[in-house]
C-alpha atoms as a PDB file:
ATOM      1  CA  UNK A   1      -0.331   0.419  -0.169  1.00  0.00           C
ATOM      2  CA  UNK A   2       1.283   3.349  -0.890  1.00  0.00           C
ATOM      3  CA  UNK A   3       1.902   5.679   2.158  1.00  0.00           C
ATOM      4  CA  UNK A   4      -0.213   9.034   1.837  1.00  0.00           C
ATOM      5  CA  UNK A   5       2.531  11.910   2.844  1.00  0.00           C
ATOM      6  CA  UNK A   6       2.495  15.741   4.041  1.00  0.00           C
ATOM      7  CA  UNK A   7       2.149  18.374   1.964  1.00  0.00           C
ATOM      8  CA  UNK A   8       4.835  21.571   3.403  1.00  0.00           C
ATOM      9  CA  UNK A   9       5.750  24.447   1.855  1.00  0.00           C
ATOM     10  CA  UNK A  10       8.982  26.642   2.180  1.00  0.00           C
ATOM     11  CA  UNK A  11       8.245  30.043   2.283  1.00  0.00           C
ATOM     12  CA  UNK A  12      10.944  33.049   1.312  1.00  0.00           C
ATOM     13  CA  UNK A  13       9.774  35.989   2.671  1.00  0.00           C
ATOM     14  CA  UNK A  14      10.620  40.003   3.120  1.00  0.00           C
ATOM     15  CA  UNK A  15      10.825  40.648   6.939  1.00  0.00           C
ATOM     16  CA  UNK A  16       7.692  41.300   8.670  1.00  0.00           C
ATOM     17  CA  UNK A  17       5.873  41.150   5.192  1.00  0.00           C
ATOM     18  CA  UNK A  18       1.883  40.841   5.717  1.00  0.00           C
ATOM     19  CA  UNK A  19       0.905  36.368   4.050  1.00  0.00           C
ATOM     20  CA  UNK A  20      -2.453  37.540   4.522  1.00  0.00           C
ATOM     21  CA  UNK A  21      -3.322  37.049   0.700  1.00  0.00           C
ATOM     22  CA  UNK A  22      -0.690  34.198   0.906  1.00  0.00           C
ATOM     23  CA  UNK A  23      -2.287  32.328   2.986  1.00  0.00           C
ATOM     24  CA  UNK A  24      -5.694  32.872   1.068  1.00  0.00           C
ATOM     25  CA  UNK A  25      -4.233  31.416  -2.021  1.00  0.00           C
ATOM     26  CA  UNK A  26      -2.889  28.833  -0.828  1.00  0.00           C
ATOM     27  CA  UNK A  27      -5.680  27.387   0.747  1.00  0.00           C
ATOM     28  CA  UNK A  28      -8.102  28.328  -1.973  1.00  0.00           C
ATOM     29  CA  UNK A  29      -5.714  26.123  -4.399  1.00  0.00           C
ATOM     30  CA  UNK A  30      -4.081  23.220  -1.534  1.00  0.00           C
ATOM     31  CA  UNK A  31      -5.679  22.994   2.028  1.00  0.00           C
ATOM     32  CA  UNK A  32      -5.863  24.762   5.381  1.00  0.00           C
ATOM     33  CA  UNK A  33      -3.267  26.134   6.731  1.00  0.00           C
ATOM     34  CA  UNK A  34      -2.447  24.083   9.929  1.00  0.00           C
ATOM     35  CA  UNK A  35       1.263  25.301  11.082  1.00  0.00           C
ATOM     36  CA  UNK A  36       3.159  28.076   9.973  1.00  0.00           C
ATOM     37  CA  UNK A  37       6.620  27.644  11.445  1.00  0.00           C
ATOM     38  CA  UNK A  38       8.780  30.350  13.033  1.00  0.00           C
ATOM     39  CA  UNK A  39      10.429  33.026  10.301  1.00  0.00           C
ATOM     40  CA  UNK A  40      14.905  32.376  10.855  1.00  0.00           C
ATOM     41  CA  UNK A  41      16.458  35.097   9.123  1.00  0.00           C
ATOM     42  CA  UNK A  42      17.556  33.471   5.592  1.00  0.00           C
ATOM     43  CA  UNK A  43      21.525  34.380   4.680  1.00  0.00           C
ATOM     44  CA  UNK A  44      22.673  31.900   2.887  1.00  0.00           C
ATOM     45  CA  UNK A  45      23.025  33.448  -0.539  1.00  0.00           C
ATOM     46  CA  UNK A  46      21.499  37.367  -2.024  1.00  0.00           C
ATOM     47  CA  UNK A  47      20.261  34.824  -5.311  1.00  0.00           C
ATOM     48  CA  UNK A  48      16.512  36.529  -3.646  1.00  0.00           C
ATOM     49  CA  UNK A  49      17.231  39.895  -2.781  1.00  0.00           C
ATOM     50  CA  UNK A  50      17.534  41.654  -5.946  1.00  0.00           C
ATOM     51  CA  UNK A  51      14.131  40.236  -6.356  1.00  0.00           C
ATOM     52  CA  UNK A  52      12.543  40.165  -3.158  1.00  0.00           C
ATOM     53  CA  UNK A  53      14.597  42.773  -1.308  1.00  0.00           C
ATOM     54  CA  UNK A  54      17.204  42.437   1.859  1.00  0.00           C
ATOM     55  CA  UNK A  55      15.834  40.769   5.476  1.00  0.00           C
ATOM     56  CA  UNK A  56      14.409  37.784   4.066  1.00  0.00           C
ATOM     57  CA  UNK A  57      13.359  35.433   5.517  1.00  0.00           C
ATOM     58  CA  UNK A  58      12.383  31.987   5.404  1.00  0.00           C
ATOM     59  CA  UNK A  59       9.793  29.019   7.018  1.00  0.00           C
ATOM     60  CA  UNK A  60       8.164  25.921   7.032  1.00  0.00           C
ATOM     61  CA  UNK A  61       4.416  25.371   6.633  1.00  0.00           C
ATOM     62  CA  UNK A  62       1.365  21.957   6.671  1.00  0.00           C
ATOM     63  CA  UNK A  63      -1.609  21.704   5.844  1.00  0.00           C
ATOM     64  CA  UNK A  64      -4.267  19.863   6.530  1.00  0.00           C
ATOM     65  CA  UNK A  65      -5.246  16.650   5.635  1.00  0.00           C
ATOM     66  CA  UNK A  66      -2.983  13.982   3.803  1.00  0.00           C
ATOM     67  CA  UNK A  67      -1.987  13.755  -0.358  1.00  0.00           C
ATOM     68  CA  UNK A  68      -0.466  11.598  -2.207  1.00  0.00           C
ATOM     69  CA  UNK A  69       2.993  11.799  -3.084  1.00  0.00           C
ATOM     70  CA  UNK A  70       1.870  12.513  -7.182  1.00  0.00           C
ATOM     71  CA  UNK A  71       0.148  15.758  -6.561  1.00  0.00           C
ATOM     72  CA  UNK A  72       3.626  17.332  -5.737  1.00  0.00           C
ATOM     73  CA  UNK A  73       3.805  18.458  -9.298  1.00  0.00           C
ATOM     74  CA  UNK A  74       0.692  19.926 -10.084  1.00  0.00           C
ATOM     75  CA  UNK A  75       1.559  21.567  -6.354  1.00  0.00           C
ATOM     76  CA  UNK A  76       4.699  23.338  -8.055  1.00  0.00           C
ATOM     77  CA  UNK A  77       2.814  24.727 -11.088  1.00  0.00           C
ATOM     78  CA  UNK A  78      -0.055  26.004  -8.389  1.00  0.00           C
ATOM     79  CA  UNK A  79       2.956  27.712  -6.253  1.00  0.00           C
ATOM     80  CA  UNK A  80       4.369  29.795  -9.181  1.00  0.00           C
ATOM     81  CA  UNK A  81       1.372  30.682 -10.814  1.00  0.00           C
ATOM     82  CA  UNK A  82       0.160  31.854  -6.772  1.00  0.00           C
ATOM     83  CA  UNK A  83       3.935  33.482  -6.833  1.00  0.00           C
ATOM     84  CA  UNK A  84       3.227  35.170  -9.404  1.00  0.00           C
ATOM     85  CA  UNK A  85      -0.221  36.379  -9.241  1.00  0.00           C
ATOM     86  CA  UNK A  86       1.250  38.042  -5.243  1.00  0.00           C
ATOM     87  CA  UNK A  87       3.741  40.337  -7.544  1.00  0.00           C
ATOM     88  CA  UNK A  88       4.693  43.417  -7.204  1.00  0.00           C
ATOM     89  CA  UNK A  89       3.825  44.698  -9.633  1.00  0.00           C
ATOM     90  CA  UNK A  90       6.459  46.995 -10.236  1.00  0.00           C
ATOM     91  CA  UNK A  91       9.050  44.582  -8.759  1.00  0.00           C
ATOM     92  CA  UNK A  92       9.097  40.935  -8.179  1.00  0.00           C
ATOM     93  CA  UNK A  93       7.934  38.213  -6.438  1.00  0.00           C
ATOM     94  CA  UNK A  94       6.599  38.683  -2.470  1.00  0.00           C
ATOM     95  CA  UNK A  95       6.670  35.005  -1.923  1.00  0.00           C
ATOM     96  CA  UNK A  96       9.057  32.462  -2.936  1.00  0.00           C
ATOM     97  CA  UNK A  97       6.880  29.098  -2.101  1.00  0.00           C
ATOM     98  CA  UNK A  98       8.945  25.981  -2.072  1.00  0.00           C
ATOM     99  CA  UNK A  99       6.161  23.285  -1.599  1.00  0.00           C
ATOM    100  CA  UNK A 100       7.054  19.021  -1.504  1.00  0.00           C
ATOM    101  CA  UNK A 101       5.996  16.850   1.586  1.00  0.00           C
ATOM    102  CA  UNK A 102       7.107  15.103   4.600  1.00  0.00           C
ATOM    103  CA  UNK A 103       6.829  11.373   5.203  1.00  0.00           C
ATOM    104  CA  UNK A 104       8.368   9.179   7.238  1.00  0.00           C
ATOM    105  CA  UNK A 105      11.685   9.709   6.412  1.00  0.00           C
ATOM    106  CA  UNK A 106      12.656  12.436   4.208  1.00  0.00           C
ATOM    107  CA  UNK A 107      11.410  16.081   3.062  1.00  0.00           C
ATOM    108  CA  UNK A 108      10.710  16.094  -0.549  1.00  0.00           C
ATOM    109  CA  UNK A 109      11.064  19.775  -1.768  1.00  0.00           C
ATOM    110  CA  UNK A 110       9.894  20.499  -6.122  1.00  0.00           C
ATOM    111  CA  UNK A 111      12.043  21.937  -8.799  1.00  0.00           C
ATOM    112  CA  UNK A 112      12.741  23.285 -12.013  1.00  0.00           C
ATOM    113  CA  UNK A 113      16.658  22.491 -11.998  1.00  0.00           C
ATOM    114  CA  UNK A 114      17.665  19.239 -12.269  1.00  0.00           C
ATOM    115  CA  UNK A 115      20.759  18.335 -10.105  1.00  0.00           C
ATOM    116  CA  UNK A 116      22.722  14.981  -8.307  1.00  0.00           C
ATOM    117  CA  UNK A 117      19.481  14.445  -5.991  1.00  0.00           C
ATOM    118  CA  UNK A 118      16.209  14.947  -7.691  1.00  0.00           C
ATOM    119  CA  UNK A 119      14.626  13.039  -9.765  1.00  0.00           C
ATOM    120  CA  UNK A 120      12.870  14.228 -12.824  1.00  0.00           C
ATOM    121  CA  UNK A 121       8.805  13.584 -12.246  1.00  0.00           C
ATOM    122  CA  UNK A 122       6.919  14.962 -15.368  1.00  0.00           C
ATOM    123  CA  UNK A 123       5.905  18.616 -16.931  1.00  0.00           C
ATOM    124  CA  UNK A 124       9.586  19.911 -15.918  1.00  0.00           C
ATOM    125  CA  UNK A 125       9.398  19.275 -12.181  1.00  0.00           C
ATOM    126  CA  UNK A 126      11.944  17.246 -10.096  1.00  0.00           C
ATOM    127  CA  UNK A 127      12.035  16.176  -7.078  1.00  0.00           C
ATOM    128  CA  UNK A 128      14.658  17.248  -4.568  1.00  0.00           C
ATOM    129  CA  UNK A 129      15.310  14.747  -2.008  1.00  0.00           C
ATOM    130  CA  UNK A 130      16.336  17.947   0.435  1.00  0.00           C
ATOM    131  CA  UNK A 131      16.232  15.943   4.186  1.00  0.00           C
ATOM    132  CA  UNK A 132      16.412  12.145   5.598  1.00  0.00           C
ATOM    133  CA  UNK A 133      14.080  11.641   9.076  1.00  0.00           C
ATOM    134  CA  UNK A 134      16.605   8.861  11.039  1.00  0.00           C
ATOM    135  CA  UNK A 135      16.806   8.976  15.284  1.00  0.00           C
ATOM    136  CA  UNK A 136      14.935  11.750  15.732  1.00  0.00           C
ATOM    137  CA  UNK A 137      16.608  14.501  13.622  1.00  0.00           C
ATOM    138  CA  UNK A 138      16.076  15.573   9.989  1.00  0.00           C
ATOM    139  CA  UNK A 139      19.376  16.058   7.911  1.00  0.00           C
ATOM    140  CA  UNK A 140      20.017  18.090   4.964  1.00  0.00           C
ATOM    141  CA  UNK A 141      21.333  16.203   2.222  1.00  0.00           C
ATOM    142  CA  UNK A 142      25.105  17.149   0.803  1.00  0.00           C
ATOM    143  CA  UNK A 143      23.679  18.255  -1.795  1.00  0.00           C
ATOM    144  CA  UNK A 144      20.806  20.638   0.088  1.00  0.00           C
ATOM    145  CA  UNK A 145      20.351  24.411  -0.099  1.00  0.00           C
ATOM    146  CA  UNK A 146      22.495  25.085   3.085  1.00  0.00           C
ATOM    147  CA  UNK A 147      20.072  26.532   5.414  1.00  0.00           C
ATOM    148  CA  UNK A 148      18.498  23.003   5.305  1.00  0.00           C
ATOM    149  CA  UNK A 149      22.241  21.796   6.466  1.00  0.00           C
ATOM    150  CA  UNK A 150      21.814  23.951   9.056  1.00  0.00           C
ATOM    151  CA  UNK A 151      18.144  23.212  10.295  1.00  0.00           C
ATOM    152  CA  UNK A 152      16.822  25.705  12.320  1.00  0.00           C
ATOM    153  CA  UNK A 153      13.416  24.193  11.196  1.00  0.00           C
ATOM    154  CA  UNK A 154      13.813  21.107  13.201  1.00  0.00           C
ATOM    155  CA  UNK A 155      11.480  22.372  16.102  1.00  0.00           C
ATOM    156  CA  UNK A 156       9.030  22.887  13.161  1.00  0.00           C
ATOM    157  CA  UNK A 157       9.883  19.873  10.954  1.00  0.00           C
ATOM    158  CA  UNK A 158       9.163  17.451  13.953  1.00  0.00           C
ATOM    159  CA  UNK A 159       5.786  19.683  14.802  1.00  0.00           C
ATOM    160  CA  UNK A 160       4.779  18.580  11.002  1.00  0.00           C
ATOM    161  CA  UNK A 161       5.618  15.142  11.746  1.00  0.00           C
ATOM    162  CA  UNK A 162       4.113  14.747  14.551  1.00  0.00           C
ATOM    163  CA  UNK A 163       0.567  16.113  12.533  1.00  0.00           C
ATOM    164  CA  UNK A 164       1.232  13.528   9.424  1.00  0.00           C
ATOM    165  CA  UNK A 165       1.744  10.637  11.871  1.00  0.00           C
ATOM    166  CA  UNK A 166      -1.487  11.225  13.513  1.00  0.00           C
ATOM    167  CA  UNK A 167      -3.211  11.944   9.846  1.00  0.00           C
ATOM    168  CA  UNK A 168      -1.912   8.517   9.395  1.00  0.00           C
ATOM    169  CA  UNK A 169      -3.150   7.141  12.231  1.00  0.00           C
ATOM    170  CA  UNK A 170      -6.357   8.320  11.397  1.00  0.00           C
ATOM    171  CA  UNK A 171      -6.493   7.006   8.584  1.00  0.00           C
ATOM    172  CA  UNK A 172      -5.813   3.729   9.087  1.00  0.00           C
ATOM    173  CA  UNK A 173      -8.595   3.535  11.727  1.00  0.00           C
END
């Protein structure tokens, strides 16, 4: 039997940016946001600064319920649409929404870029093994983003993993 997964998103945004429009858009396309993790300073790269400004932060969010992992590709396509819909008219994106999922032993993110730990799904989308879970700890893979290697998200990912286990238990009973 194929195990369902917990839909998650790593949200990159400017400091003190209002998330109300983003929450509405995500909930319209995905499901109710059940958890919004702590926002951590995102200083590992200046790649996004030109478009999104300085003082960027990233947090991990999760959504109610479980999904089939095959929905991840469509989620990526919808996330790009959401980013573009919420774009500043004179500037770039206000949000970078990296969608993916968490299951019993890993975090997978979706990407339009290929790489050593990525597996092609379809529609130009790659699945990126960003983190492994083992012995009570999420650990970034050697090719993942540098903030995932440092992993300030550990507490939040553990909380989301509890939601995943709860939902899985409900589904099985």
